[in-house]
Every structure is written in C-alpha cells, then in structure tokens.
Amino acid sequence: MLERKYITVNPRYLVTEKEPVPLGEPINVPVRKFAETITSSFHEFQILRVLDEFKESMAQVHDAPLTSDMPEETFSNRIFEFPDRSNYEFGLERYQVAEPLVPTKKVSIGWRGSRKS
C-alpha cells in the first residue's frame, strides 16, 4: 500500500528535524549521521516499529463485505503522520488491507454440546 503511494518510511532514529508538511507532500528531511555503523537488522527493526504503529492505527474492517460498487462515502478517511512529520490520508486502502483477515460469511459463535448440571 505504501509503495503504491510512493511513501518512504523514515524511522525515528534517523529524523533530525520535524517541520510541518502539507498533507500528501513528500518531505526532504536531513538524515542523522552516526559515528558508529548502524546494522541493517536494527534499521529494519526500526522501520517495522513504524509500520506496526501504522497498521495498528489505520487498518479497519468495514461493517459489510467490500464490493466494487460501494460508494466512496462509506469509507472514512484517516490521516497518519510518519515520524518525519510527513502525513498522508488513507481511505479505501485501510479497509482493503484488513478485508482478507475477516471471513465474509456469517460466523456462528455459540456453545455446541450438552450442558450437564
């Protein structure tokens, strides 16, 4: 989803300045320099932390199964601000990501079996 919008995820440890950015505009933030070499595993871990925060605050399941004829007004948009202060608005994408995780058929949850007293 982020690749389709050409969004670059800058982890918190690389951000030196936090200037406000207009909605949807890419940011050209200077990268923090370190005396020591940062390992690729640490860098990937920090990116995953940002993506986890993104996932937890943005993914949402719609009340009804998604169809191609649903009007766009049925999807609420939400803005996410990345650590470098760039912010983007997401609408339908938030629901498309979560849709495969929830079965579209009605799920019956109940007690099956006999209850002995």
Foldseek 3Di string as FASTA:
>chain_A
DCVVLPDDADFQQQADDADADPESDHDDGHGDDDPDDDDPVVRVVRSVVQVVVCLVVQADAAPAQDDPPDDQVSWDKDWDAGSSNHIYIDTVVSHVVCRVVDDRDDDDDDDDDDDDD
